[in-house]
Protein backbone atom coordinates (compact mmCIF):
# COMPACT_ATOMS: atom_id res chain seq x y z
CA MET A 1 -0.08 -0.05 0.00
CA THR A 2 1.30 3.43 -0.87
CA HIS A 3 1.07 6.46 1.37
CA PRO A 4 -0.39 9.47 -0.39
CA VAL A 5 0.29 13.07 0.64
CA LEU A 6 -2.99 14.13 2.25
CA HIS A 7 -2.45 17.68 3.62
CA PHE A 8 0.04 20.45 3.58
CA GLU A 9 0.70 23.22 5.98
CA VAL A 10 2.37 26.66 5.72
CA SER A 11 3.20 28.44 9.05
CA GLY A 12 4.85 31.69 9.70
CA LYS A 13 4.80 35.00 11.71
CA ASN A 14 1.53 36.43 10.47
CA LEU A 15 -1.47 34.39 9.57
CA ASP A 16 -3.43 37.23 7.95
CA SER A 17 -0.51 38.17 5.64
CA LEU A 18 0.16 34.58 4.61
CA GLN A 19 -3.53 34.04 3.97
CA THR A 20 -3.62 37.10 1.78
CA PHE A 21 -0.37 36.18 -0.04
CA TYR A 22 -1.38 32.60 -0.91
CA GLY A 23 -4.97 33.68 -1.67
CA GLU A 24 -3.81 36.25 -4.21
CA LEU A 25 -0.95 34.23 -5.60
CA PHE A 26 -2.76 30.88 -6.22
CA GLY A 27 -6.37 31.81 -5.77
CA TRP A 28 -6.72 29.68 -2.65
CA LYS A 29 -9.95 29.96 -0.71
CA THR A 30 -9.33 29.87 3.00
CA GLN A 31 -11.40 29.81 6.12
CA LYS A 32 -10.22 30.70 9.60
CA ILE A 33 -11.04 27.97 12.15
CA ALA A 34 -12.92 28.76 15.28
CA GLY A 35 -11.08 28.87 18.62
CA ASP A 36 -7.75 30.27 19.89
CA MET A 37 -5.43 28.77 17.38
CA PRO A 38 -4.55 31.19 14.51
CA TYR A 39 -5.18 28.78 11.72
CA ALA A 40 -6.96 28.82 8.34
CA MET A 41 -7.96 25.75 6.24
CA VAL A 42 -7.25 25.86 2.54
CA GLU A 43 -9.98 24.29 0.43
CA LYS A 44 -9.39 21.32 -1.76
CA GLU A 45 -9.78 22.17 -5.45
CA ASP A 46 -9.37 20.47 -8.86
CA GLY A 47 -8.15 17.14 -7.56
CA GLY A 48 -5.48 18.74 -5.31
CA ILE A 49 -5.13 18.20 -1.69
CA GLY A 50 -6.35 20.46 1.08
CA GLY A 51 -4.11 22.21 3.50
CA GLY A 52 -3.65 24.81 6.20
CA ILE A 53 -2.08 28.16 6.73
CA GLY A 54 -1.08 28.99 10.42
CA GLN A 55 0.75 31.32 12.66
CA SER A 56 3.79 29.65 14.23
CA PRO A 57 3.90 29.99 18.01
CA ASP A 58 7.67 30.69 17.92
CA GLY A 59 7.39 32.91 14.73
CA ASN A 60 9.57 30.56 12.69
CA GLY A 61 8.09 29.69 9.36
CA HIS A 62 8.03 26.20 7.87
CA VAL A 63 6.24 24.06 5.35
CA THR A 64 5.09 20.54 6.20
CA PHE A 65 3.36 17.88 4.15
CA TYR A 66 1.38 15.14 5.85
CA VAL A 67 1.52 11.57 4.52
CA GLY A 68 -1.38 9.14 5.03
CA THR A 69 -0.82 6.00 7.21
CA ASP A 70 -3.02 3.58 8.84
CA ASP A 71 -0.70 3.20 11.78
CA PRO A 72 1.13 6.36 12.74
CA GLN A 73 3.09 4.73 15.54
CA ALA A 74 4.39 1.99 13.30
CA THR A 75 5.40 4.51 10.74
CA LEU A 76 7.25 6.58 13.36
CA ASP A 77 9.06 3.47 14.60
CA LYS A 78 10.15 2.57 11.03
CA ALA A 79 11.32 6.23 10.52
CA GLU A 80 13.47 5.97 13.62
CA GLN A 81 14.84 2.55 12.43
CA LEU A 82 15.94 4.29 9.23
CA GLY A 83 17.64 7.16 11.01
CA GLY A 84 14.84 9.57 11.52
CA LYS A 85 13.69 11.30 14.87
CA THR A 86 10.35 11.64 16.26
CA ILE A 87 9.39 15.33 16.69
CA LEU A 88 5.70 15.06 17.76
CA PRO A 89 4.53 11.70 19.02
CA VAL A 90 1.20 10.28 17.87
CA THR A 91 -1.44 12.91 18.82
CA GLU A 92 -5.13 12.46 18.71
CA LEU A 93 -7.13 15.51 17.52
CA PRO A 94 -10.86 15.74 17.15
CA GLU A 95 -10.90 14.87 13.47
CA VAL A 96 -7.48 13.33 12.76
CA THR A 97 -4.55 11.60 14.32
CA ILE A 98 -1.08 13.19 13.58
CA ALA A 99 2.56 12.78 14.29
CA LEU A 100 5.76 14.47 13.07
CA PHE A 101 9.23 13.09 12.39
CA ALA A 102 12.50 14.60 11.09
CA ASP A 103 14.26 12.67 8.33
CA PRO A 104 18.00 11.97 8.68
CA GLU A 105 18.74 15.53 7.28
CA GLY A 106 16.31 17.19 9.62
CA HIS A 107 13.32 17.80 7.18
CA VAL A 108 10.06 17.55 9.12
CA VAL A 109 7.31 15.40 7.67
CA GLY A 110 3.89 14.83 9.11
CA LEU A 111 1.91 11.57 9.39
CA ALA A 112 -1.97 11.65 9.33
CA LYS A 113 -4.67 9.02 9.95
CA GLY A 114 -8.31 9.85 9.33
CA MET A 115 -8.09 12.71 6.92
């Protein structure tokens, strides 16, 4: 079974400016989520994947893609066996289960179940 990319995330210092930038550049339609987290969902269009734009708590920007897996813990374990490092352990959110790992060169990749 392959593991498709299911979601992407762009984070940085200012949610509003990032939302405007990507909206004007690519025509992405976004919707801020309710609650305290400064985050906006990017609508899925034309066969592409959905994503999110967020404000990073530490102000450091990053781009992360999330790969689908039926067993996030097993995938984290395999990543570590191959020289990766767990960044965020398996975390249950209301609509999805996520985890993050760094590859051997430090690139952060997300895992997602239930998207």
